[in-house]
Amino acid sequence: MRILVVDDDPGLRRSLGLLLEGDGHTVAAVSRASEALTRLAGEAFDVVLCDVRMPEMDGLEFLRRYRDTGGTALVIMMSAYGGEDAAIAAMKDGAYDYLPKPFRPDEVLLTLRKAEERERLRGRVAALEAEVARFREGEIVAESAAMRHVLDLATRVAPHPTTVLVTGESGTGKEVVARAVHRMSPRREAPFVAINCAAIPEALLESELFGHVRGAFTGAVGDKTGLFEEASGGTLLLDEIGDLPAPLQVKLLRVLQEGAIRRVGETRERRVDVRVLAATARDLEREVTEGRFREDLYYRLNVVRIHIPPLRERPDDLERLALVLLARSGARANRRVRFAADALAALRARSWPGNVRELENAVERAVVLSADEVIDRHAFEHQAGPRSPRPDAAADAGLGEPVPLKDAVAATERAAIQQALAAADGNRQEAARRLGVSLRTLYYKLRDLGLG
């Protein structure tokens, strides 16, 4: 650390300099508080050791002036006078610690080591906060209370080596959350490796996970490193863990318990240091009950669960998500595009069974196919896919000829607006709130649909 000693006693400055330099620190020393303020304005120091009683400006006044300038170095006050009262005053003004004179060399070094550890932890916290802020502003949109809970849980579990089970419907962003946990963890500089357990044939999956040696089976012409070894020191995401075949469930359980893998065709075990995250869209409790998933493996994976709600249950996130995805798609297409108000209303009217993935595809398709800078609701009308059911959908399901999509959308909007107005006793402001649109948008819709 870089340390500045501020004391009018030349003997103390010299002895502290020798002690601290002998402990590996870089030391500068001045005899006046005014000199210290000048040095601190032009140089970076980690710690300031400052005497309380000095001519011209005492240590407490120096501390107040230094903090007023925004100084961030840790200040440790030293004094043979004042005892506890001086210590309390110094701490109130922002001092990190207080050393009563005379002090022993080991007292000084212990105080500095504590300061160094505090700075290390402060830097770690700042890095985590920056990481969280990046996810709040980018990959993870957390406007809703439900997603704020998801982000909070991911932040709290990230520093620990705990196994995490991420659940949620397909397309909700389970891998995005898993990557957030990895990036906020101490392993973030090491690899993040993901495998979809449902996408690889059972005969090859064991080799993908654990590797194999030459001659282990037909076609094994050389040794192969498995994903557990590739992720060494980092994180392995087992996506769609509910599709893991029963024989591999047994082997995975052993790996989680023992921290060792065995390549296919090999007799010796290899130690692995991997944090395992698992994700699934399946109901694993039901899979356990019906005998398709091992109960002991389920409990081993489900140490901490992060459940991501479907998009239809967090409408507060929809508009922000759509805007983030629009900016991303526009950047890829090298275009500046924006949504018209009716486009956002059209997006809110859909139930999004494919969740964020479906929304992302819809926005990208609109950007690619739209010739205009402003994307309106017509950009989404041609896109097939399930929508929120109309109030009268059950009555006419499967009856008559299909109607043009534009007319179907208008009918859905008309029914939703009429229902909201009825529920709000004709209060248009309340109806707009129930519909999740602005009052201006509602007036536009009323005029466009001929409702007054």
Protein backbone atom coordinates (compact mmCIF):
# COMPACT_ATOMS: atom_id res chain seq x y z
CA MET A 1 0.00 0.00 0.00
CA ARG A 2 1.00 3.67 -0.44
CA ILE A 3 1.02 5.34 2.96
CA LEU A 4 1.38 9.03 3.88
CA VAL A 5 2.66 9.80 7.40
CA VAL A 6 1.69 13.24 8.76
CA ASP A 7 3.46 14.16 12.04
CA ASP A 8 5.54 17.08 13.27
CA ASP A 9 7.91 14.74 15.15
CA PRO A 10 10.82 13.90 12.78
CA GLY A 11 11.87 10.92 14.91
CA LEU A 12 8.40 9.36 14.65
CA ARG A 13 8.26 10.00 10.91
CA ARG A 14 11.61 8.27 10.48
CA SER A 15 10.77 5.25 12.69
CA LEU A 16 7.35 4.74 11.07
CA GLY A 17 8.95 4.98 7.63
CA LEU A 18 11.46 2.26 8.46
CA LEU A 19 8.78 0.03 10.02
CA LEU A 20 6.32 0.35 7.15
CA GLU A 21 8.88 0.05 4.35
CA GLY A 22 10.21 -3.06 6.07
CA ASP A 23 6.68 -4.48 5.84
CA GLY A 24 6.58 -3.88 2.07
CA HIS A 25 4.74 -0.57 1.90
CA THR A 26 5.64 2.60 0.00
CA VAL A 27 5.89 5.50 2.45
CA ALA A 28 5.96 9.30 2.14
CA ALA A 29 6.12 11.67 5.13
CA VAL A 30 5.29 15.35 5.76
CA SER A 31 5.43 17.51 8.92
CA ARG A 32 2.34 19.71 8.40
CA ALA A 33 -1.34 19.00 7.66
CA SER A 34 -1.32 21.67 4.91
CA GLU A 35 1.55 19.81 3.18
CA ALA A 36 -0.48 16.61 3.44
CA LEU A 37 -3.49 18.18 1.71
CA THR A 38 -1.23 19.37 -1.11
CA ARG A 39 0.35 15.91 -1.54
CA LEU A 40 -3.05 14.19 -1.45
CA ALA A 41 -4.41 16.54 -4.12
CA GLY A 42 -1.75 15.41 -6.56
CA GLU A 43 -0.93 11.83 -5.54
CA ALA A 44 -2.89 8.69 -4.72
CA PHE A 45 -2.44 7.14 -1.28
CA ASP A 46 -4.25 4.19 0.26
CA VAL A 47 -3.76 5.15 3.93
CA VAL A 48 -2.91 8.34 5.83
CA LEU A 49 -1.37 8.06 9.33
CA CYS A 50 -1.98 11.47 10.89
CA ASP A 51 -1.16 12.96 14.29
CA VAL A 52 -3.98 14.79 16.06
CA ARG A 53 -1.92 17.62 17.63
CA MET A 54 0.11 19.61 15.13
CA PRO A 55 0.90 23.34 14.69
CA GLU A 56 -1.12 25.49 12.25
CA MET A 57 -3.79 22.84 11.57
CA ASP A 58 -4.60 19.93 13.86
CA GLY A 59 -5.38 16.41 12.66
CA LEU A 60 -9.16 16.66 13.11
CA GLU A 61 -9.34 19.83 11.00
CA PHE A 62 -7.16 18.12 8.38
CA LEU A 63 -9.52 15.15 8.37
CA ARG A 64 -12.59 17.35 7.85
CA ARG A 65 -10.95 19.31 5.00
CA TYR A 66 -9.69 16.14 3.35
CA ARG A 67 -13.14 14.52 3.44
CA ASP A 68 -14.72 17.73 2.09
CA THR A 69 -12.49 17.45 -0.98
CA GLY A 70 -13.81 13.93 -1.61
CA GLY A 71 -10.67 12.15 -0.43
CA THR A 72 -11.04 8.37 -0.29
CA ALA A 73 -7.85 7.20 1.47
CA LEU A 74 -8.33 5.56 4.86
CA VAL A 75 -7.24 7.97 7.61
CA ILE A 76 -5.82 6.56 10.86
CA MET A 77 -5.38 9.14 13.59
CA MET A 78 -2.53 9.05 16.15
CA SER A 79 -2.34 10.92 19.45
CA ALA A 80 -0.96 10.78 22.99
CA TYR A 81 -3.72 13.16 24.15
CA GLY A 82 -7.46 13.04 24.52
CA GLY A 83 -7.97 9.30 24.88
CA GLU A 84 -11.43 8.02 24.02
CA ASP A 85 -12.93 11.48 23.40
CA ALA A 86 -10.40 12.19 20.66
CA ALA A 87 -10.96 8.76 19.16
CA ILE A 88 -14.75 9.23 19.08
CA ALA A 89 -14.41 12.69 17.50
CA ALA A 90 -12.05 11.33 14.84
CA MET A 91 -14.32 8.41 14.00
CA LYS A 92 -17.35 10.71 13.70
CA ASP A 93 -15.43 12.83 11.20
CA GLY A 94 -14.65 9.79 9.05
CA ALA A 95 -11.41 8.34 10.43
CA TYR A 96 -10.99 4.60 9.86
CA ASP A 97 -9.18 3.90 13.15
CA TYR A 98 -7.31 5.48 16.04
CA LEU A 99 -3.85 4.62 17.46
CA PRO A 100 -3.03 5.98 20.94
CA LYS A 101 0.62 6.93 21.43
CA PRO A 102 2.93 5.35 22.38
CA PHE A 103 2.14 2.33 20.24
CA ARG A 104 3.98 -0.90 19.59
CA PRO A 105 5.13 -1.76 16.03
CA ASP A 106 2.86 -4.82 15.90
CA GLU A 107 -0.17 -2.61 16.74
CA VAL A 108 0.56 -0.40 13.74
CA LEU A 109 1.07 -3.34 11.37
CA LEU A 110 -2.10 -5.11 12.59
CA THR A 111 -4.16 -1.95 12.07
CA LEU A 112 -2.77 -1.57 8.55
CA ARG A 113 -3.51 -5.19 7.69
CA LYS A 114 -7.09 -4.70 8.82
CA ALA A 115 -7.25 -1.58 6.65
CA GLU A 116 -5.83 -3.47 3.68
CA GLU A 117 -8.43 -6.24 4.10
CA ARG A 118 -11.20 -3.67 4.33
CA GLU A 119 -10.04 -2.04 1.09
CA ARG A 120 -9.91 -5.42 -0.63
CA LEU A 121 -13.48 -6.18 0.46
CA ARG A 122 -14.63 -2.69 -0.51
CA GLY A 123 -13.21 -3.20 -3.98
CA ARG A 124 -14.94 -6.58 -4.23
CA VAL A 125 -18.28 -5.07 -3.18
CA ALA A 126 -17.85 -2.24 -5.70
CA ALA A 127 -17.15 -4.77 -8.46
CA LEU A 128 -20.24 -6.77 -7.53
CA GLU A 129 -22.39 -3.63 -7.43
CA ALA A 130 -21.10 -2.63 -10.86
CA GLU A 131 -21.86 -6.13 -12.11
CA VAL A 132 -25.39 -5.99 -10.70
CA ALA A 133 -25.91 -2.55 -12.23
CA ARG A 134 -24.77 -3.87 -15.60
CA PHE A 135 -27.32 -6.67 -15.43
CA ARG A 136 -30.04 -4.30 -14.29
CA GLU A 137 -29.34 -2.09 -17.29
CA GLY A 138 -28.67 -4.83 -19.83
CA GLU A 139 -29.32 -8.53 -19.88
CA ILE A 140 -31.70 -8.79 -16.92
CA VAL A 141 -34.66 -6.43 -16.94
CA ALA A 142 -36.03 -6.22 -13.41
CA GLU A 143 -38.85 -3.67 -13.36
CA SER A 144 -41.28 -6.08 -11.68
CA ALA A 145 -41.10 -7.12 -8.04
CA ALA A 146 -40.81 -10.76 -9.14
CA MET A 147 -37.70 -10.13 -11.25
CA ARG A 148 -36.16 -7.88 -8.61
CA HIS A 149 -36.47 -10.87 -6.27
CA VAL A 150 -34.78 -13.08 -8.88
CA LEU A 151 -31.91 -10.63 -9.25
CA ASP A 152 -31.55 -10.19 -5.50
CA LEU A 153 -31.43 -13.96 -4.98
CA ALA A 154 -28.86 -14.38 -7.77
CA THR A 155 -26.71 -11.63 -6.23
CA ARG A 156 -26.81 -13.16 -2.75
CA VAL A 157 -26.00 -16.72 -3.87
CA ALA A 158 -23.32 -15.76 -6.41
CA PRO A 159 -20.32 -15.44 -4.01
CA HIS A 160 -20.89 -18.92 -2.58
CA PRO A 161 -20.05 -22.31 -4.22
CA THR A 162 -23.61 -23.50 -3.62
CA THR A 163 -25.40 -25.57 -6.27
CA VAL A 164 -28.29 -23.60 -7.78
CA LEU A 165 -31.38 -24.90 -9.59
CA VAL A 166 -32.89 -22.37 -12.02
CA THR A 167 -36.48 -23.17 -13.00
CA GLY A 168 -39.00 -21.58 -15.31
CA GLU A 169 -40.84 -22.04 -18.57
CA SER A 170 -38.97 -22.28 -21.85
CA GLY A 171 -37.74 -18.90 -23.04
CA THR A 172 -37.86 -17.11 -19.67
CA GLY A 173 -34.08 -16.56 -19.57
CA LYS A 174 -32.75 -19.32 -17.33
CA GLU A 175 -29.31 -19.33 -18.96
CA VAL A 176 -29.12 -15.53 -18.71
CA VAL A 177 -29.68 -15.76 -14.95
CA ALA A 178 -27.15 -18.60 -14.68
CA ARG A 179 -24.56 -16.47 -16.48
CA ALA A 180 -25.35 -13.60 -14.11
CA VAL A 181 -24.63 -15.85 -11.12
CA HIS A 182 -21.31 -16.86 -12.70
CA ARG A 183 -20.29 -13.30 -13.56
CA MET A 184 -21.02 -12.07 -10.04
CA SER A 185 -19.10 -14.97 -8.48
CA PRO A 186 -15.40 -15.26 -7.58
CA ARG A 187 -15.14 -17.67 -10.57
CA ARG A 188 -16.07 -15.04 -13.15
CA GLU A 189 -12.58 -15.02 -14.74
CA ALA A 190 -12.78 -18.82 -15.26
CA PRO A 191 -14.85 -20.57 -17.95
CA PHE A 192 -18.64 -20.67 -18.04
CA VAL A 193 -19.63 -23.85 -19.90
CA ALA A 194 -23.24 -24.77 -20.76
CA ILE A 195 -24.67 -28.02 -22.10
CA ASN A 196 -28.25 -28.83 -23.09
CA CYS A 197 -28.85 -32.33 -21.71
CA ALA A 198 -31.84 -32.80 -24.03
CA ALA A 199 -29.95 -31.94 -27.22
CA ILE A 200 -27.31 -34.70 -27.12
CA PRO A 201 -28.04 -38.41 -27.69
CA GLU A 202 -27.79 -40.52 -24.55
CA ALA A 203 -24.97 -42.62 -26.06
CA LEU A 204 -22.79 -39.50 -26.43
CA LEU A 205 -23.84 -37.50 -23.39
CA GLU A 206 -21.60 -39.32 -20.89
CA SER A 207 -18.56 -38.69 -23.07
CA GLU A 208 -19.52 -35.02 -23.47
CA LEU A 209 -19.80 -34.56 -19.73
CA PHE A 210 -16.92 -36.66 -18.45
CA GLY A 211 -14.69 -37.24 -21.51
CA HIS A 212 -13.26 -40.54 -22.74
CA VAL A 213 -9.96 -42.24 -23.43
CA ARG A 214 -8.73 -43.68 -26.69
CA GLY A 215 -10.38 -47.00 -27.54
CA ALA A 216 -13.20 -46.61 -25.00
CA PHE A 217 -15.72 -47.27 -27.78
CA THR A 218 -15.88 -47.47 -31.55
CA GLY A 219 -14.77 -44.13 -32.96
CA ALA A 220 -12.81 -43.07 -29.87
CA VAL A 221 -9.56 -42.52 -31.76
CA GLY A 222 -8.02 -40.31 -29.07
CA ASP A 223 -8.50 -38.97 -25.57
CA LYS A 224 -11.24 -36.40 -25.12
CA THR A 225 -11.65 -33.86 -22.30
CA GLY A 226 -15.20 -33.65 -20.94
CA LEU A 227 -17.10 -30.50 -20.06
CA PHE A 228 -16.51 -30.96 -16.33
CA GLU A 229 -12.77 -30.68 -16.97
CA GLU A 230 -13.21 -27.83 -19.46
CA ALA A 231 -15.10 -25.87 -16.81
CA SER A 232 -12.37 -26.44 -14.20
CA GLY A 233 -12.23 -23.51 -11.79
CA GLY A 234 -15.41 -22.10 -13.29
CA THR A 235 -19.08 -22.91 -13.70
CA LEU A 236 -20.92 -25.69 -15.56
CA LEU A 237 -24.58 -25.16 -16.46
CA LEU A 238 -26.55 -28.38 -16.97
CA ASP A 239 -29.50 -27.05 -18.95
CA GLU A 240 -32.65 -29.16 -19.26
CA ILE A 241 -31.43 -31.31 -16.37
CA GLY A 242 -34.86 -32.96 -16.23
CA ASP A 243 -33.99 -34.78 -19.48
CA LEU A 244 -30.83 -36.37 -18.07
CA PRO A 245 -31.05 -40.18 -18.58
CA ALA A 246 -31.34 -42.30 -15.42
CA PRO A 247 -27.88 -43.95 -15.69
CA LEU A 248 -26.22 -40.54 -15.91
CA GLN A 249 -28.24 -39.25 -12.97
CA VAL A 250 -26.40 -41.78 -10.77
CA LYS A 251 -23.00 -40.71 -12.12
CA LEU A 252 -23.79 -37.02 -11.77
CA LEU A 253 -24.83 -37.53 -8.16
CA ARG A 254 -21.47 -39.14 -7.43
CA VAL A 255 -19.59 -36.28 -9.08
CA LEU A 256 -21.48 -33.73 -7.00
CA GLN A 257 -20.77 -35.67 -3.81
CA GLU A 258 -17.16 -36.63 -4.45
CA GLY A 259 -15.88 -33.78 -6.64
CA ALA A 260 -14.29 -36.27 -9.04
CA ILE A 261 -15.08 -37.62 -12.52
CA ARG A 262 -14.02 -40.72 -14.39
CA ARG A 263 -13.58 -40.59 -18.16
CA VAL A 264 -15.34 -43.26 -20.18
CA GLY A 265 -13.01 -46.24 -20.48
CA GLU A 266 -10.73 -45.07 -17.66
CA THR A 267 -10.30 -46.60 -14.20
CA ARG A 268 -8.77 -43.70 -12.31
CA GLU A 269 -10.67 -40.70 -11.03
CA ARG A 270 -9.80 -37.08 -11.77
CA ARG A 271 -10.53 -34.30 -9.26
CA VAL A 272 -12.56 -31.38 -10.62
CA ASP A 273 -13.25 -27.96 -9.14
CA VAL A 274 -16.50 -26.93 -10.78
CA ARG A 275 -19.54 -25.05 -9.58
CA VAL A 276 -22.64 -26.75 -10.97
CA LEU A 277 -25.78 -24.84 -11.91
CA ALA A 278 -28.79 -26.71 -13.27
CA ALA A 279 -31.80 -25.44 -15.19
CA THR A 280 -35.07 -27.01 -16.26
CA ALA A 281 -38.52 -26.20 -17.57
CA ARG A 282 -39.84 -29.48 -16.14
CA ASP A 283 -41.64 -29.94 -12.81
CA LEU A 284 -38.89 -31.92 -11.09
CA GLU A 285 -41.03 -32.66 -8.05
CA ARG A 286 -43.49 -34.46 -10.32
CA GLU A 287 -40.64 -36.17 -12.14
CA VAL A 288 -39.39 -37.48 -8.78
CA THR A 289 -42.88 -38.61 -7.72
CA GLU A 290 -43.39 -40.46 -11.00
CA GLY A 291 -39.99 -42.13 -10.79
CA ARG A 292 -38.27 -40.42 -13.72
CA PHE A 293 -35.80 -38.38 -11.67
CA ARG A 294 -33.76 -39.48 -8.68
CA GLU A 295 -34.92 -37.96 -5.41
CA ASP A 296 -31.39 -37.79 -3.95
CA LEU A 297 -30.08 -35.99 -7.04
CA TYR A 298 -33.02 -33.57 -6.92
CA TYR A 299 -32.21 -32.56 -3.35
CA ARG A 300 -28.50 -32.30 -4.19
CA LEU A 301 -29.25 -29.89 -7.04
CA ASN A 302 -32.01 -27.95 -5.31
CA VAL A 303 -29.84 -26.35 -2.60
CA VAL A 304 -30.96 -22.89 -3.73
CA ARG A 305 -33.74 -22.47 -6.26
CA ILE A 306 -34.21 -19.43 -8.45
CA HIS A 307 -37.59 -19.52 -10.18
CA ILE A 308 -38.12 -17.19 -13.13
CA PRO A 309 -41.80 -16.33 -13.64
CA PRO A 310 -43.25 -16.37 -17.17
CA LEU A 311 -43.53 -13.09 -19.03
CA ARG A 312 -47.33 -13.04 -18.73
CA GLU A 313 -46.96 -12.84 -14.93
CA ARG A 314 -44.64 -9.83 -15.03
CA PRO A 315 -46.24 -7.27 -17.37
CA ASP A 316 -44.19 -4.50 -15.72
CA ASP A 317 -41.11 -5.92 -17.47
CA LEU A 318 -42.65 -6.20 -20.94
CA GLU A 319 -42.27 -2.64 -22.18
CA ARG A 320 -38.68 -2.25 -20.88
CA LEU A 321 -37.75 -5.65 -22.33
CA ALA A 322 -39.23 -4.70 -25.69
CA LEU A 323 -37.26 -1.44 -25.73
CA VAL A 324 -34.00 -3.19 -24.79
CA LEU A 325 -34.56 -5.82 -27.49
CA LEU A 326 -35.47 -3.12 -30.03
CA ALA A 327 -32.22 -1.27 -29.33
CA ARG A 328 -30.25 -4.51 -29.67
CA SER A 329 -31.97 -5.51 -32.93
CA GLY A 330 -31.65 -1.99 -34.33
CA ALA A 331 -27.92 -1.98 -33.58
CA ARG A 332 -27.46 -5.32 -35.35
CA ALA A 333 -29.35 -4.00 -38.36
CA ASN A 334 -27.46 -0.67 -38.18
CA ARG A 335 -30.77 1.20 -38.01
CA ARG A 336 -32.30 3.75 -35.67
CA VAL A 337 -35.82 2.58 -34.96
CA ARG A 338 -38.44 3.26 -32.32
CA PHE A 339 -41.86 1.99 -31.31
CA ALA A 340 -45.10 3.85 -31.88
CA ALA A 341 -47.42 3.83 -28.85
CA ASP A 342 -49.80 1.43 -30.56
CA ALA A 343 -46.95 -1.05 -31.14
CA LEU A 344 -46.34 -1.33 -27.40
CA ALA A 345 -50.07 -1.72 -26.86
CA ALA A 346 -50.11 -4.56 -29.40
CA LEU A 347 -47.23 -6.26 -27.60
CA ARG A 348 -49.00 -5.94 -24.26
CA ALA A 349 -52.11 -7.56 -25.72
CA ARG A 350 -50.31 -10.84 -26.36
CA SER A 351 -49.82 -13.61 -23.80
CA TRP A 352 -46.27 -14.57 -25.00
CA PRO A 353 -46.32 -18.32 -24.32
CA GLY A 354 -42.75 -18.42 -25.68
CA ASN A 355 -41.78 -15.76 -23.12
CA VAL A 356 -38.73 -13.52 -23.68
CA ARG A 357 -37.43 -15.66 -26.55
CA GLU A 358 -40.71 -15.21 -28.45
CA LEU A 359 -40.71 -11.47 -27.73
CA GLU A 360 -37.12 -11.17 -28.95
CA ASN A 361 -37.95 -12.97 -32.19
CA ALA A 362 -41.04 -10.79 -32.74
CA VAL A 363 -39.10 -7.57 -32.24
CA GLU A 364 -36.23 -8.68 -34.47
CA ARG A 365 -38.68 -9.72 -37.20
CA ALA A 366 -40.39 -6.33 -36.99
CA VAL A 367 -37.06 -4.51 -37.32
CA VAL A 368 -35.98 -6.61 -40.29
CA LEU A 369 -39.28 -6.34 -42.18
CA SER A 370 -40.23 -2.75 -41.37
CA ALA A 371 -39.15 -0.11 -43.89
CA ASP A 372 -39.93 2.78 -41.57
CA GLU A 373 -38.06 4.30 -38.66
CA VAL A 374 -41.19 4.08 -36.50
CA ILE A 375 -42.50 0.56 -35.88
CA ASP A 376 -46.26 0.51 -35.30
CA ARG A 377 -48.70 -2.26 -34.41
CA HIS A 378 -49.02 -3.34 -38.05
CA ALA A 379 -45.48 -4.74 -37.84
CA PHE A 380 -46.79 -7.37 -35.43
CA GLU A 381 -50.16 -8.12 -36.97
CA HIS A 382 -48.79 -10.57 -39.55
CA GLN A 383 -46.88 -12.53 -36.94
CA ALA A 384 -48.52 -15.81 -36.11
CA GLY A 385 -48.62 -17.11 -32.56
CA PRO A 386 -51.00 -17.53 -29.62
CA ARG A 387 -52.55 -14.39 -28.21
CA SER A 388 -54.39 -13.57 -25.05
CA PRO A 389 -57.88 -15.05 -25.42
CA ARG A 390 -60.81 -12.77 -26.11
CA PRO A 391 -63.57 -12.73 -23.52
CA ASP A 392 -65.84 -14.48 -26.00
CA ALA A 393 -63.20 -16.82 -27.41
CA ALA A 394 -64.78 -19.93 -25.91
CA ALA A 395 -68.10 -19.17 -27.55
CA ASP A 396 -66.86 -19.06 -31.12
CA ALA A 397 -63.75 -21.29 -30.94
CA GLY A 398 -63.58 -23.41 -34.04
CA LEU A 399 -66.73 -21.90 -35.62
CA GLY A 400 -67.01 -20.16 -38.98
CA GLU A 401 -64.39 -19.01 -41.45
CA PRO A 402 -61.15 -17.44 -40.26
CA VAL A 403 -61.25 -13.63 -40.26
CA PRO A 404 -58.45 -11.33 -41.44
CA LEU A 405 -55.83 -10.93 -38.74
CA LYS A 406 -56.23 -7.15 -38.67
CA ASP A 407 -59.94 -7.54 -37.92
CA ALA A 408 -59.22 -10.15 -35.24
CA VAL A 409 -56.78 -7.80 -33.49
CA ALA A 410 -59.30 -4.94 -33.66
CA ALA A 411 -62.01 -7.19 -32.22
CA THR A 412 -59.73 -8.24 -29.37
CA GLU A 413 -58.83 -4.65 -28.58
CA ARG A 414 -62.48 -3.52 -28.77
CA ALA A 415 -63.60 -6.29 -26.38
CA ALA A 416 -60.76 -5.55 -23.93
CA ILE A 417 -61.51 -1.81 -23.90
CA GLN A 418 -65.26 -2.33 -23.47
CA GLN A 419 -64.63 -4.73 -20.61
CA ALA A 420 -62.22 -2.29 -18.90
CA LEU A 421 -64.68 0.63 -19.29
CA ALA A 422 -67.48 -1.46 -17.83
CA ALA A 423 -65.32 -2.52 -14.88
CA ALA A 424 -64.31 1.13 -14.30
CA ASP A 425 -67.93 2.42 -14.54
CA GLY A 426 -66.99 4.48 -17.58
CA ASN A 427 -64.00 6.19 -15.92
CA ARG A 428 -61.53 6.37 -18.77
CA GLN A 429 -58.51 7.10 -16.62
CA GLU A 430 -59.22 4.02 -14.50
CA ALA A 431 -59.87 1.96 -17.64
CA ALA A 432 -56.50 3.02 -19.06
CA ARG A 433 -54.82 1.95 -15.81
CA ARG A 434 -56.54 -1.47 -15.97
CA LEU A 435 -55.45 -1.90 -19.58
CA GLY A 436 -51.86 -0.89 -18.79
CA VAL A 437 -51.83 1.98 -21.32
CA SER A 438 -51.67 5.75 -21.08
CA LEU A 439 -54.87 7.80 -21.17
CA ARG A 440 -53.73 9.29 -24.49
CA THR A 441 -53.37 5.80 -25.98
CA LEU A 442 -56.85 4.87 -24.78
CA TYR A 443 -58.37 7.98 -26.43
CA TYR A 444 -56.56 7.05 -29.65
CA LYS A 445 -57.95 3.52 -29.50
CA LEU A 446 -61.48 4.73 -28.78
CA ARG A 447 -61.37 6.96 -31.85
CA ASP A 448 -59.68 4.33 -34.04
CA LEU A 449 -62.17 1.63 -33.09
CA GLY A 450 -65.23 3.87 -33.35
CA LEU A 451 -66.06 3.65 -29.63
CA GLY A 452 -66.49 7.38 -29.05
